C-alpha atoms as a PDB file:
ATOM      1  CA  MET A   1       5.993 -11.676  -5.881  1.00  0.00           C
ATOM      2  CA  ARG A   2       7.404  -8.102  -5.725  1.00  0.00           C
ATOM      3  CA  LEU A   3       7.848  -6.855  -2.230  1.00  0.00           C
ATOM      4  CA  ASP A   4       8.649  -3.219  -1.282  1.00  0.00           C
ATOM      5  CA  PHE A   5       9.822  -1.499   1.938  1.00  0.00           C
ATOM      6  CA  ALA A   6       7.573   1.269   3.030  1.00  0.00           C
ATOM      7  CA  PRO A   7       9.041   4.530   4.236  1.00  0.00           C
ATOM      8  CA  MET A   8       8.714   5.200   7.958  1.00  0.00           C
ATOM      9  CA  GLU A   9       9.692   8.800   9.048  1.00  0.00           C
ATOM     10  CA  GLY A  10      12.520   8.580  11.509  1.00  0.00           C
ATOM     11  CA  ILE A  11      12.831   4.768  11.357  1.00  0.00           C
ATOM     12  CA  THR A  12      13.855   3.474   7.829  1.00  0.00           C
ATOM     13  CA  ASP A  13      16.886   5.953   7.576  1.00  0.00           C
ATOM     14  CA  THR A  14      19.912   5.685   5.543  1.00  0.00           C
ATOM     15  CA  ILE A  15      21.725   3.583   7.658  1.00  0.00           C
ATOM     16  CA  TYR A  16      18.869   1.159   8.450  1.00  0.00           C
ATOM     17  CA  ARG A  17      18.209   0.745   4.657  1.00  0.00           C
ATOM     18  CA  ARG A  18      21.696   0.050   3.888  1.00  0.00           C
ATOM     19  CA  THR A  19      22.153  -2.623   6.767  1.00  0.00           C
ATOM     20  CA  HIS A  20      19.201  -4.180   5.904  1.00  0.00           C
ATOM     21  CA  PHE A  21      19.910  -4.554   2.176  1.00  0.00           C
ATOM     22  CA  SER A  22      23.269  -5.937   2.993  1.00  0.00           C
ATOM     23  CA  MET A  23      21.836  -8.554   5.215  1.00  0.00           C
ATOM     24  CA  PHE A  24      18.386  -9.197   3.655  1.00  0.00           C
ATOM     25  CA  SER A  25      18.244  -8.384   0.020  1.00  0.00           C
ATOM     26  CA  GLU A  26      14.833  -9.914  -1.038  1.00  0.00           C
ATOM     27  CA  VAL A  27      13.275  -6.273  -1.106  1.00  0.00           C
ATOM     28  CA  SER A  28      12.626  -4.862  -4.566  1.00  0.00           C
ATOM     29  CA  LYS A  29      12.387  -1.178  -3.778  1.00  0.00           C
ATOM     30  CA  TYR A  30      13.273   0.707  -0.610  1.00  0.00           C
ATOM     31  CA  PHE A  31      11.197   3.982  -0.381  1.00  0.00           C
ATOM     32  CA  ILE A  32      13.022   6.844   1.190  1.00  0.00           C
ATOM     33  CA  PRO A  33      10.850   8.599   4.019  1.00  0.00           C
ATOM     34  CA  PHE A  34       9.504  11.811   2.554  1.00  0.00           C
ATOM     35  CA  VAL A  35      11.289  14.976   1.920  1.00  0.00           C
ATOM     36  CA  ALA A  36       9.209  18.307   2.339  1.00  0.00           C
ATOM     37  CA  PRO A  37      10.510  20.979   0.056  1.00  0.00           C
ATOM     38  CA  SER A  38      10.219  24.366   1.480  1.00  0.00           C
ATOM     39  CA  GLN A  39       9.707  27.802  -0.150  1.00  0.00           C
ATOM     40  CA  HIS A  40      13.387  28.408   0.264  1.00  0.00           C
ATOM     41  CA  LEU A  41      13.965  25.842  -2.374  1.00  0.00           C
ATOM     42  CA  CYS A  42      16.613  23.782  -0.252  1.00  0.00           C
ATOM     43  CA  PHE A  43      16.639  20.467   1.477  1.00  0.00           C
ATOM     44  CA  THR A  44      17.548  20.047   5.352  1.00  0.00           C
ATOM     45  CA  PRO A  45      20.853  18.539   6.097  1.00  0.00           C
ATOM     46  CA  ARG A  46      18.984  15.407   7.301  1.00  0.00           C
ATOM     47  CA  GLU A  47      17.131  15.309   3.830  1.00  0.00           C
ATOM     48  CA  LYS A  48      20.645  15.824   1.799  1.00  0.00           C
ATOM     49  CA  TYR A  49      21.985  12.860   3.770  1.00  0.00           C
ATOM     50  CA  ALA A  50      18.852  10.774   3.133  1.00  0.00           C
ATOM     51  CA  LEU A  51      19.022  11.648  -0.627  1.00  0.00           C
ATOM     52  CA  ASP A  52      22.990  11.234  -1.285  1.00  0.00           C
ATOM     53  CA  PRO A  53      23.709   9.021  -4.002  1.00  0.00           C
ATOM     54  CA  GLU A  54      26.735   7.763  -2.511  1.00  0.00           C
ATOM     55  CA  GLU A  55      24.658   6.649   0.694  1.00  0.00           C
ATOM     56  CA  ASN A  56      22.388   4.817  -1.320  1.00  0.00           C
ATOM     57  CA  ARG A  57      24.749   3.278  -3.870  1.00  0.00           C
ATOM     58  CA  ASP A  58      23.589  -0.079  -5.224  1.00  0.00           C
ATOM     59  CA  ILE A  59      20.377  -0.090  -3.228  1.00  0.00           C
ATOM     60  CA  PRO A  60      17.268   0.084  -4.927  1.00  0.00           C
ATOM     61  CA  VAL A  61      15.936   3.200  -3.436  1.00  0.00           C
ATOM     62  CA  VAL A  62      12.958   5.573  -4.591  1.00  0.00           C
ATOM     63  CA  PRO A  63      12.659   9.148  -3.128  1.00  0.00           C
ATOM     64  CA  GLN A  64       9.351  10.326  -1.942  1.00  0.00           C
ATOM     65  CA  ILE A  65       8.107  13.878  -2.008  1.00  0.00           C
ATOM     66  CA  LEU A  66       5.481  15.556   0.429  1.00  0.00           C
ATOM     67  CA  ALA A  67       4.440  18.782  -1.062  1.00  0.00           C
ATOM     68  CA  LYS A  68       0.867  20.352  -1.873  1.00  0.00           C
ATOM     69  CA  ASP A  69       2.481  23.027  -4.250  1.00  0.00           C
ATOM     70  CA  ALA A  70       3.071  21.979  -7.624  1.00  0.00           C
ATOM     71  CA  HIS A  71       6.147  24.166  -8.147  1.00  0.00           C
ATOM     72  CA  LEU A  72       7.819  22.926  -4.886  1.00  0.00           C
ATOM     73  CA  PHE A  73       6.988  19.261  -5.872  1.00  0.00           C
ATOM     74  CA  LEU A  74       8.750  19.896  -9.428  1.00  0.00           C
ATOM     75  CA  TRP A  75      11.706  21.638  -7.944  1.00  0.00           C
ATOM     76  CA  ALA A  76      12.318  18.679  -5.763  1.00  0.00           C
ATOM     77  CA  ALA A  77      11.786  16.140  -8.485  1.00  0.00           C
ATOM     78  CA  GLU A  78      14.262  17.820 -10.627  1.00  0.00           C
ATOM     79  CA  GLU A  79      16.780  17.716  -7.681  1.00  0.00           C
ATOM     80  CA  MET A  80      16.138  13.815  -7.598  1.00  0.00           C
ATOM     81  CA  LYS A  81      16.982  13.744 -11.352  1.00  0.00           C
ATOM     82  CA  LYS A  82      20.222  15.570 -10.768  1.00  0.00           C
ATOM     83  CA  ARG A  83      21.112  13.084  -8.170  1.00  0.00           C
ATOM     84  CA  GLY A  84      20.314  10.232 -10.589  1.00  0.00           C
ATOM     85  CA  TYR A  85      17.263   8.662  -9.664  1.00  0.00           C
ATOM     86  CA  ARG A  86      14.833   7.372 -11.948  1.00  0.00           C
ATOM     87  CA  GLU A  87      11.634   7.979 -10.409  1.00  0.00           C
ATOM     88  CA  VAL A  88       9.711   9.772  -7.589  1.00  0.00           C
ATOM     89  CA  ASN A  89       6.820   9.081  -5.301  1.00  0.00           C
ATOM     90  CA  LEU A  90       4.263  11.385  -4.362  1.00  0.00           C
ATOM     91  CA  ASN A  91       3.023  10.957  -0.832  1.00  0.00           C
ATOM     92  CA  LEU A  92      -0.918  11.405  -0.594  1.00  0.00           C
ATOM     93  CA  GLY A  93      -0.992   8.738   2.354  1.00  0.00           C
ATOM     94  CA  CYS A  94       0.710  10.299   5.356  1.00  0.00           C
ATOM     95  CA  PRO A  95      -2.257  10.546   8.174  1.00  0.00           C
ATOM     96  CA  ALA A  96      -0.110  12.597  10.587  1.00  0.00           C
ATOM     97  CA  ALA A  97      -2.076  15.679  11.850  1.00  0.00           C
ATOM     98  CA  THR A  98       1.165  17.841  11.666  1.00  0.00           C
ATOM     99  CA  VAL A  99       0.919  16.907   7.948  1.00  0.00           C
ATOM    100  CA  THR A 100      -2.736  16.895   7.265  1.00  0.00           C
ATOM    101  CA  SER A 101      -3.455  20.276   9.082  1.00  0.00           C
ATOM    102  CA  LYS A 102      -1.159  21.760   6.331  1.00  0.00           C
ATOM    103  CA  GLY A 103      -2.983  20.318   3.597  1.00  0.00           C
ATOM    104  CA  LYS A 104      -0.455  17.847   2.612  1.00  0.00           C
ATOM    105  CA  GLY A 105      -0.248  14.026   2.722  1.00  0.00           C
ATOM    106  CA  ALA A 106      -3.662  12.640   3.223  1.00  0.00           C
ATOM    107  CA  GLY A 107      -4.905  16.095   3.781  1.00  0.00           C
ATOM    108  CA  MET A 108      -4.874  16.392   0.114  1.00  0.00           C
ATOM    109  CA  LEU A 109      -7.553  13.910  -0.385  1.00  0.00           C
ATOM    110  CA  LYS A 110     -10.327  16.259   1.134  1.00  0.00           C
ATOM    111  CA  GLU A 111     -10.722  18.240  -2.002  1.00  0.00           C
ATOM    112  CA  LEU A 112     -10.836  17.066  -5.654  1.00  0.00           C
ATOM    113  CA  GLU A 113     -10.647  20.364  -7.685  1.00  0.00           C
ATOM    114  CA  PRO A 114      -7.121  21.571  -5.826  1.00  0.00           C
ATOM    115  CA  LEU A 115      -5.899  18.053  -6.279  1.00  0.00           C
ATOM    116  CA  ARG A 116      -6.783  17.947  -9.879  1.00  0.00           C
ATOM    117  CA  ARG A 117      -5.062  21.258 -10.603  1.00  0.00           C
ATOM    118  CA  PHE A 118      -1.880  19.962  -8.489  1.00  0.00           C
ATOM    119  CA  LEU A 119      -1.695  17.023 -10.758  1.00  0.00           C
ATOM    120  CA  ASP A 120      -2.390  18.601 -13.912  1.00  0.00           C
ATOM    121  CA  GLU A 121       0.753  20.867 -13.278  1.00  0.00           C
ATOM    122  CA  ILE A 122       3.252  18.197 -12.130  1.00  0.00           C
ATOM    123  CA  PHE A 123       2.413  15.867 -14.943  1.00  0.00           C
ATOM    124  CA  GLU A 124       2.659  18.656 -17.439  1.00  0.00           C
ATOM    125  CA  LYS A 125       6.175  19.368 -16.301  1.00  0.00           C
ATOM    126  CA  ALA A 126       7.539  16.209 -14.664  1.00  0.00           C
ATOM    127  CA  PRO A 127      11.246  15.527 -15.094  1.00  0.00           C
ATOM    128  CA  LEU A 128      10.987  11.980 -13.837  1.00  0.00           C
ATOM    129  CA  PRO A 129       8.069   9.128 -13.660  1.00  0.00           C
ATOM    130  CA  ILE A 130       5.805   9.498 -10.936  1.00  0.00           C
ATOM    131  CA  SER A 131       4.337   6.904  -8.653  1.00  0.00           C
ATOM    132  CA  LEU A 132       1.595   7.652  -5.940  1.00  0.00           C
ATOM    133  CA  LYS A 133       1.142   6.142  -2.485  1.00  0.00           C
ATOM    134  CA  THR A 134      -2.498   6.959  -1.233  1.00  0.00           C
ATOM    135  CA  ARG A 135      -5.088   6.226   0.904  1.00  0.00           C
ATOM    136  CA  ILE A 136      -8.687   5.593  -0.059  1.00  0.00           C
ATOM    137  CA  GLY A 137     -10.184   8.826   1.298  1.00  0.00           C
ATOM    138  CA  PHE A 138     -10.034  11.272   4.183  1.00  0.00           C
ATOM    139  CA  GLU A 139     -12.906  10.387   6.368  1.00  0.00           C
ATOM    140  CA  ASN A 140     -15.567   8.499   4.292  1.00  0.00           C
ATOM    141  CA  LEU A 141     -15.180   5.467   2.075  1.00  0.00           C
ATOM    142  CA  SER A 142     -17.686   7.198  -0.418  1.00  0.00           C
ATOM    143  CA  GLU A 143     -14.764   9.471  -1.462  1.00  0.00           C
ATOM    144  CA  TRP A 144     -12.726   6.730  -3.029  1.00  0.00           C
ATOM    145  CA  PRO A 145     -14.668   6.212  -6.211  1.00  0.00           C
ATOM    146  CA  ALA A 146     -14.185   9.987  -7.465  1.00  0.00           C
ATOM    147  CA  LEU A 147     -10.539   9.834  -6.064  1.00  0.00           C
ATOM    148  CA  SER A 148      -9.607   6.627  -7.968  1.00  0.00           C
ATOM    149  CA  ALA A 149     -11.049   7.851 -10.989  1.00  0.00           C
ATOM    150  CA  LEU A 150      -9.357  11.116 -10.776  1.00  0.00           C
ATOM    151  CA  PHE A 151      -5.805   9.187 -10.306  1.00  0.00           C
ATOM    152  CA  ALA A 152      -6.712   6.825 -13.104  1.00  0.00           C
ATOM    153  CA  ARG A 153      -6.356   9.827 -15.508  1.00  0.00           C
ATOM    154  CA  TYR A 154      -2.819  10.397 -14.812  1.00  0.00           C
ATOM    155  CA  PRO A 155       0.139   8.484 -16.193  1.00  0.00           C
ATOM    156  CA  PHE A 156       1.298   7.386 -12.754  1.00  0.00           C
ATOM    157  CA  SER A 157       4.263   4.503 -13.173  1.00  0.00           C
ATOM    158  CA  GLU A 158       2.273   2.955 -10.320  1.00  0.00           C
ATOM    159  CA  VAL A 159      -0.263   3.295  -7.579  1.00  0.00           C
ATOM    160  CA  ILE A 160       0.478   2.000  -4.070  1.00  0.00           C
ATOM    161  CA  ILE A 161      -2.801   1.804  -1.956  1.00  0.00           C
ATOM    162  CA  HIS A 162      -3.369   1.745   1.608  1.00  0.00           C
ATOM    163  CA  PRO A 163      -6.772   0.752   1.952  1.00  0.00           C
ATOM    164  CA  ARG A 164      -7.670   2.856   5.037  1.00  0.00           C
ATOM    165  CA  LEU A 165      -9.064   6.258   5.550  1.00  0.00           C
ATOM    166  CA  ARG A 166      -6.975   9.155   6.937  1.00  0.00           C
ATOM    167  CA  GLU A 167      -9.328   9.112  10.032  1.00  0.00           C
ATOM    168  CA  GLU A 168      -8.478   5.539  10.688  1.00  0.00           C
ATOM    169  CA  PHE A 169      -4.860   6.000  10.845  1.00  0.00           C
ATOM    170  CA  TYR A 170      -3.899   2.381  11.373  1.00  0.00           C
ATOM    171  CA  GLU A 171      -6.751   1.090  13.302  1.00  0.00           C
ATOM    172  CA  GLY A 172      -9.346  -1.511  12.415  1.00  0.00           C
ATOM    173  CA  ALA A 173      -9.040  -3.885   9.226  1.00  0.00           C
ATOM    174  CA  PRO A 174      -7.886  -2.466   5.911  1.00  0.00           C
ATOM    175  CA  HIS A 175     -10.768  -2.179   3.450  1.00  0.00           C
ATOM    176  CA  ILE A 176      -9.794  -5.137   1.161  1.00  0.00           C
ATOM    177  CA  GLN A 177     -13.078  -4.957  -0.965  1.00  0.00           C
ATOM    178  CA  GLU A 178     -12.421  -1.376  -1.782  1.00  0.00           C
ATOM    179  CA  PHE A 179      -8.899  -2.144  -2.736  1.00  0.00           C
ATOM    180  CA  SER A 180     -10.008  -5.076  -5.032  1.00  0.00           C
ATOM    181  CA  ALA A 181     -12.582  -3.073  -6.618  1.00  0.00           C
ATOM    182  CA  SER A 182     -10.100  -0.370  -7.624  1.00  0.00           C
ATOM    183  CA  LEU A 183      -7.671  -2.753  -9.273  1.00  0.00           C
ATOM    184  CA  SER A 184      -9.411  -2.628 -12.668  1.00  0.00           C
ATOM    185  CA  ALA A 185      -9.524   1.189 -12.618  1.00  0.00           C
ATOM    186  CA  PHE A 186      -5.743   1.393 -13.262  1.00  0.00           C
ATOM    187  CA  SER A 187      -3.811   0.908 -16.193  1.00  0.00           C
ATOM    188  CA  CYS A 188      -0.538   0.982 -14.380  1.00  0.00           C
ATOM    189  CA  PRO A 189       0.574  -1.669 -11.635  1.00  0.00           C
ATOM    190  CA  VAL A 190      -1.223  -1.546  -8.454  1.00  0.00           C
ATOM    191  CA  ILE A 191       0.620  -2.310  -5.103  1.00  0.00           C
ATOM    192  CA  TYR A 192      -0.989  -2.892  -1.957  1.00  0.00           C
ATOM    193  CA  ASN A 193       0.052  -1.532   1.566  1.00  0.00           C
ATOM    194  CA  GLY A 194      -1.413  -2.266   4.901  1.00  0.00           C
ATOM    195  CA  ASP A 195      -0.906  -5.036   7.749  1.00  0.00           C
ATOM    196  CA  ILE A 196       1.144  -7.618   6.035  1.00  0.00           C
ATOM    197  CA  CYS A 197       3.021  -8.908   9.119  1.00  0.00           C
ATOM    198  CA  ARG A 198       3.336 -12.880   8.228  1.00  0.00           C
ATOM    199  CA  PRO A 199       3.850 -14.800   5.164  1.00  0.00           C
ATOM    200  CA  GLU A 200       0.219 -15.946   5.318  1.00  0.00           C
ATOM    201  CA  ASP A 201      -1.045 -12.534   5.222  1.00  0.00           C
ATOM    202  CA  GLY A 202       0.516 -12.154   1.744  1.00  0.00           C
ATOM    203  CA  LYS A 203      -0.807 -15.220   0.738  1.00  0.00           C
ATOM    204  CA  LYS A 204      -4.262 -14.396   1.716  1.00  0.00           C
ATOM    205  CA  LEU A 205      -3.931 -10.918  -0.066  1.00  0.00           C
ATOM    206  CA  MET A 206      -2.772 -12.458  -3.370  1.00  0.00           C
ATOM    207  CA  GLU A 207      -5.507 -15.027  -3.319  1.00  0.00           C
ATOM    208  CA  ALA A 208      -8.248 -12.366  -2.570  1.00  0.00           C
ATOM    209  CA  CYS A 209      -6.735  -9.863  -5.261  1.00  0.00           C
ATOM    210  CA  PRO A 210      -4.487 -11.855  -7.699  1.00  0.00           C
ATOM    211  CA  GLU A 211      -4.207  -8.764 -10.060  1.00  0.00           C
ATOM    212  CA  THR A 212      -2.196  -7.107  -7.318  1.00  0.00           C
ATOM    213  CA  ALA A 213       1.301  -6.289  -8.856  1.00  0.00           C
ATOM    214  CA  GLY A 214       3.204  -6.382  -5.640  1.00  0.00           C
ATOM    215  CA  ILE A 215       3.100  -5.541  -1.725  1.00  0.00           C
ATOM    216  CA  MET A 216       4.708  -2.860   0.133  1.00  0.00           C
ATOM    217  CA  ILE A 217       5.412  -3.672   3.763  1.00  0.00           C
ATOM    218  CA  GLY A 218       6.509  -1.391   6.650  1.00  0.00           C
ATOM    219  CA  ARG A 219       6.065  -2.377  10.271  1.00  0.00           C
ATOM    220  CA  GLY A 220       6.055  -6.293   9.131  1.00  0.00           C
ATOM    221  CA  ILE A 221       9.627  -6.000   8.273  1.00  0.00           C
ATOM    222  CA  LEU A 222      10.761  -3.575  10.906  1.00  0.00           C
ATOM    223  CA  SER A 223       9.625  -6.423  13.367  1.00  0.00           C
ATOM    224  CA  ASN A 224      10.848  -9.570  11.212  1.00  0.00           C
ATOM    225  CA  PRO A 225      13.582  -8.337   8.823  1.00  0.00           C
ATOM    226  CA  ALA A 226      13.578 -11.757   6.985  1.00  0.00           C
ATOM    227  CA  LEU A 227       9.736 -11.367   6.195  1.00  0.00           C
ATOM    228  CA  PRO A 228      10.391 -10.671   2.673  1.00  0.00           C
ATOM    229  CA  ARG A 229      12.737 -13.890   2.329  1.00  0.00           C
ATOM    230  CA  GLU A 230      10.079 -15.864   4.245  1.00  0.00           C
ATOM    231  CA  MET A 231       7.214 -14.659   1.786  1.00  0.00           C
ATOM    232  CA  GLN A 232       9.412 -15.979  -1.202  1.00  0.00           C
ATOM    233  CA  GLY A 233       9.770 -19.362   0.256  1.00  0.00           C
ATOM    234  CA  GLY A 234      12.928 -18.881   2.002  1.00  0.00           C
ATOM    235  CA  GLU A 235      14.447 -19.844   5.490  1.00  0.00           C
ATOM    236  CA  LYS A 236      12.711 -18.459   8.566  1.00  0.00           C
ATOM    237  CA  LEU A 237      14.315 -15.683  10.686  1.00  0.00           C
ATOM    238  CA  ASN A 238      16.700 -17.082  13.259  1.00  0.00           C
ATOM    239  CA  VAL A 239      17.951 -15.582  16.448  1.00  0.00           C
ATOM    240  CA  SER A 240      21.675 -15.379  15.383  1.00  0.00           C
ATOM    241  CA  GLU A 241      20.892 -13.296  12.216  1.00  0.00           C
ATOM    242  CA  MET A 242      18.542 -11.283  14.326  1.00  0.00           C
ATOM    243  CA  ARG A 243      21.272 -10.526  16.878  1.00  0.00           C
ATOM    244  CA  ALA A 244      23.665  -9.939  13.919  1.00  0.00           C
ATOM    245  CA  PHE A 245      21.521  -7.519  12.402  1.00  0.00           C
ATOM    246  CA  HIS A 246      20.799  -5.525  15.673  1.00  0.00           C
ATOM    247  CA  ASP A 247      24.624  -5.450  16.089  1.00  0.00           C
ATOM    248  CA  ALA A 248      25.488  -4.078  12.895  1.00  0.00           C
ATOM    249  CA  LEU A 249      22.742  -1.308  13.185  1.00  0.00           C
ATOM    250  CA  TYR A 250      23.958  -0.144  16.649  1.00  0.00           C
ATOM    251  CA  GLU A 251      27.698  -0.058  15.543  1.00  0.00           C
ATOM    252  CA  ALA A 252      26.520   2.062  12.284  1.00  0.00           C
ATOM    253  CA  TYR A 253      24.410   4.395  14.390  1.00  0.00           C
ATOM    254  CA  LEU A 254      27.253   4.688  17.243  1.00  0.00           C
ATOM    255  CA  ALA A 255      29.840   5.337  14.355  1.00  0.00           C
ATOM    256  CA  LYS A 256      27.579   8.005  12.574  1.00  0.00           C
ATOM    257  CA  TYR A 257      25.809   9.788  15.610  1.00  0.00           C
ATOM    258  CA  GLY A 258      27.539   8.760  18.971  1.00  0.00           C
ATOM    259  CA  ALA A 259      26.080   6.711  21.929  1.00  0.00           C
ATOM    260  CA  SER A 260      23.054   8.747  22.724  1.00  0.00           C
ATOM    261  CA  VAL A 261      21.640   8.880  19.361  1.00  0.00           C
ATOM    262  CA  ALA A 262      22.470   5.343  18.747  1.00  0.00           C
ATOM    263  CA  LEU A 263      20.538   4.378  22.039  1.00  0.00           C
ATOM    264  CA  LEU A 264      17.304   6.338  20.821  1.00  0.00           C
ATOM    265  CA  ARG A 265      17.552   4.856  17.469  1.00  0.00           C
ATOM    266  CA  MET A 266      17.904   1.315  18.626  1.00  0.00           C
ATOM    267  CA  LYS A 267      15.289   1.739  21.352  1.00  0.00           C
ATOM    268  CA  ALA A 268      12.675   2.799  18.832  1.00  0.00           C
ATOM    269  CA  LEU A 269      13.571  -0.215  16.484  1.00  0.00           C
ATOM    270  CA  MET A 270      13.605  -2.591  19.227  1.00  0.00           C
ATOM    271  CA  GLN A 271       9.843  -1.878  20.052  1.00  0.00           C
ATOM    272  CA  TYR A 272       9.317  -3.596  16.609  1.00  0.00           C
ATOM    273  CA  MET A 273      12.135  -6.304  16.758  1.00  0.00           C
ATOM    274  CA  SER A 274      10.927  -7.462  20.217  1.00  0.00           C
ATOM    275  CA  CYS A 275       7.578  -8.389  18.744  1.00  0.00           C
ATOM    276  CA  CYS A 276       9.187 -11.565  17.344  1.00  0.00           C
ATOM    277  CA  PHE A 277      10.202 -13.162  20.754  1.00  0.00           C
ATOM    278  CA  GLU A 278       8.101 -15.223  23.265  1.00  0.00           C
ATOM    279  CA  ASN A 279       7.422 -14.081  26.917  1.00  0.00           C
ATOM    280  CA  VAL A 280       9.173 -10.807  26.138  1.00  0.00           C
ATOM    281  CA  SER A 281       7.429  -8.573  28.785  1.00  0.00           C
ATOM    282  CA  LYS A 282      10.346  -8.377  31.201  1.00  0.00           C
ATOM    283  CA  ALA A 283      13.000  -7.956  28.471  1.00  0.00           C
ATOM    284  CA  LYS A 284      10.885  -5.021  26.649  1.00  0.00           C
ATOM    285  CA  LYS A 285      10.523  -3.272  30.124  1.00  0.00           C
ATOM    286  CA  ALA A 286      14.354  -3.432  30.710  1.00  0.00           C
ATOM    287  CA  LEU A 287      15.142  -2.107  26.980  1.00  0.00           C
ATOM    288  CA  LYS A 288      12.585   0.724  27.793  1.00  0.00           C
ATOM    289  CA  LYS A 289      14.197   1.759  31.127  1.00  0.00           C
ATOM    290  CA  ALA A 290      17.790   1.721  29.681  1.00  0.00           C
ATOM    291  CA  ASN A 291      19.077   5.133  29.878  1.00  0.00           C
ATOM    292  CA  ASN A 292      22.568   4.540  28.646  1.00  0.00           C
ATOM    293  CA  ALA A 293      24.584   2.250  26.415  1.00  0.00           C
ATOM    294  CA  PRO A 294      25.966  -0.279  28.890  1.00  0.00           C
ATOM    295  CA  ALA A 295      22.386  -0.850  30.320  1.00  0.00           C
ATOM    296  CA  TYR A 296      20.789  -1.003  26.784  1.00  0.00           C
ATOM    297  CA  LEU A 297      23.383  -3.445  25.624  1.00  0.00           C
ATOM    298  CA  GLN A 298      22.833  -5.743  28.572  1.00  0.00           C
ATOM    299  CA  ALA A 299      19.092  -5.495  28.040  1.00  0.00           C
ATOM    300  CA  ALA A 300      19.470  -6.713  24.325  1.00  0.00           C
ATOM    301  CA  GLU A 301      21.798  -9.299  25.304  1.00  0.00           C
ATOM    302  CA  ASN A 302      19.098 -10.721  27.682  1.00  0.00           C
ATOM    303  CA  LEU A 303      16.402 -10.557  25.046  1.00  0.00           C
ATOM    304  CA  PHE A 304      18.561 -12.363  22.567  1.00  0.00           C
ATOM    305  CA  SER A 305      19.824 -15.013  24.936  1.00  0.00           C
ATOM    306  CA  ALA A 306      16.679 -15.661  27.391  1.00  0.00           C
ATOM    307  CA  CYS A 307      13.710 -15.402  24.924  1.00  0.00           C
ATOM    308  CA  THR A 308      12.874 -17.561  22.112  1.00  0.00           C
ATOM    309  CA  LEU A 309      11.655 -16.607  18.688  1.00  0.00           C
ATOM    310  CA  LYS A 310       8.061 -17.219  18.018  1.00  0.00           C
ATOM    311  CA  GLU A 311       7.144 -19.850  15.586  1.00  0.00           C
ATOM    312  CA  SER A 312       5.642 -17.178  13.438  1.00  0.00           C
ATOM    313  CA  PRO A 313       7.496 -14.042  14.203  1.00  0.00           C
ATOM    314  CA  ALA A 314       5.370 -11.068  13.361  1.00  0.00           C
ATOM    315  CA  PHE A 315       4.756  -7.588  14.405  1.00  0.00           C
ATOM    316  CA  TYR A 316       1.552  -7.034  16.634  1.00  0.00           C
ATOM    317  CA  TRP A 317      -0.441  -4.108  18.143  1.00  0.00           C
ATOM    318  CA  GLU A 318       0.396  -3.495  21.743  1.00  0.00           C
ATOM    319  CA  LYS A 319      -2.647  -2.226  23.345  1.00  0.00           C
END
């Protein structure tokens, strides 16, 4: 089974991807969180670092582009080609209000005609193969048949579908029926994305939709970095490798950014990683309260030494 790592802005950064790949190499593709080219035709320092071929050497990465103007998408795609990338991914799935209010990401799903013109232009001049990551509509499931018919007209290298509406964000169950019904609409591989947190989630999805070409996972891997290995029949996550992964990430962030940024990055990651442990409430509170490196490291040590892994470690929504 092909398993990809979803792009998550501000979290699955260069250091995270590199560290994860060095310790858990079962991921087929790591998608770089989107770059958003501006009218000035330049990347930010953060985007340049994320796209640096040396930083991504030997890692199977795919850059993602967020743009509503075809000329900006094409400029960015050409820059990816210059850097040696072999494909780019078009983001039509981001549900954030700061993105959709500008008509980007899932905001592009609202109007078919502007979307058609955009796709016509980028495929007429594309310097690289283009894959698509999309939701199944903006606010109503009735939008998906027309959207999927439109997408099927273009030679996407693959289509990654998160079967929720933009208005649903990450709430409620994914619309598996709509996903399954659309599989036959595309001649390219179709990848599933959404709420895969345990090996049994992937098994259930593949039983229901056997024509699915692969699965893209985000929060499930952030919580359990060994999830792709487990889904392929490998060994379960253990505390010692979780601790080693945590320590490698912390040291890398500390070396690159210093103590204050390393603290912020690790606290964000531990919101996910702590999901894998039993009786973790007290430890999570200590991690959240930690406002300096010694306090954080002590809280992390207490988590790893005092809390046990769940029988089936997995991400969960904390209400």
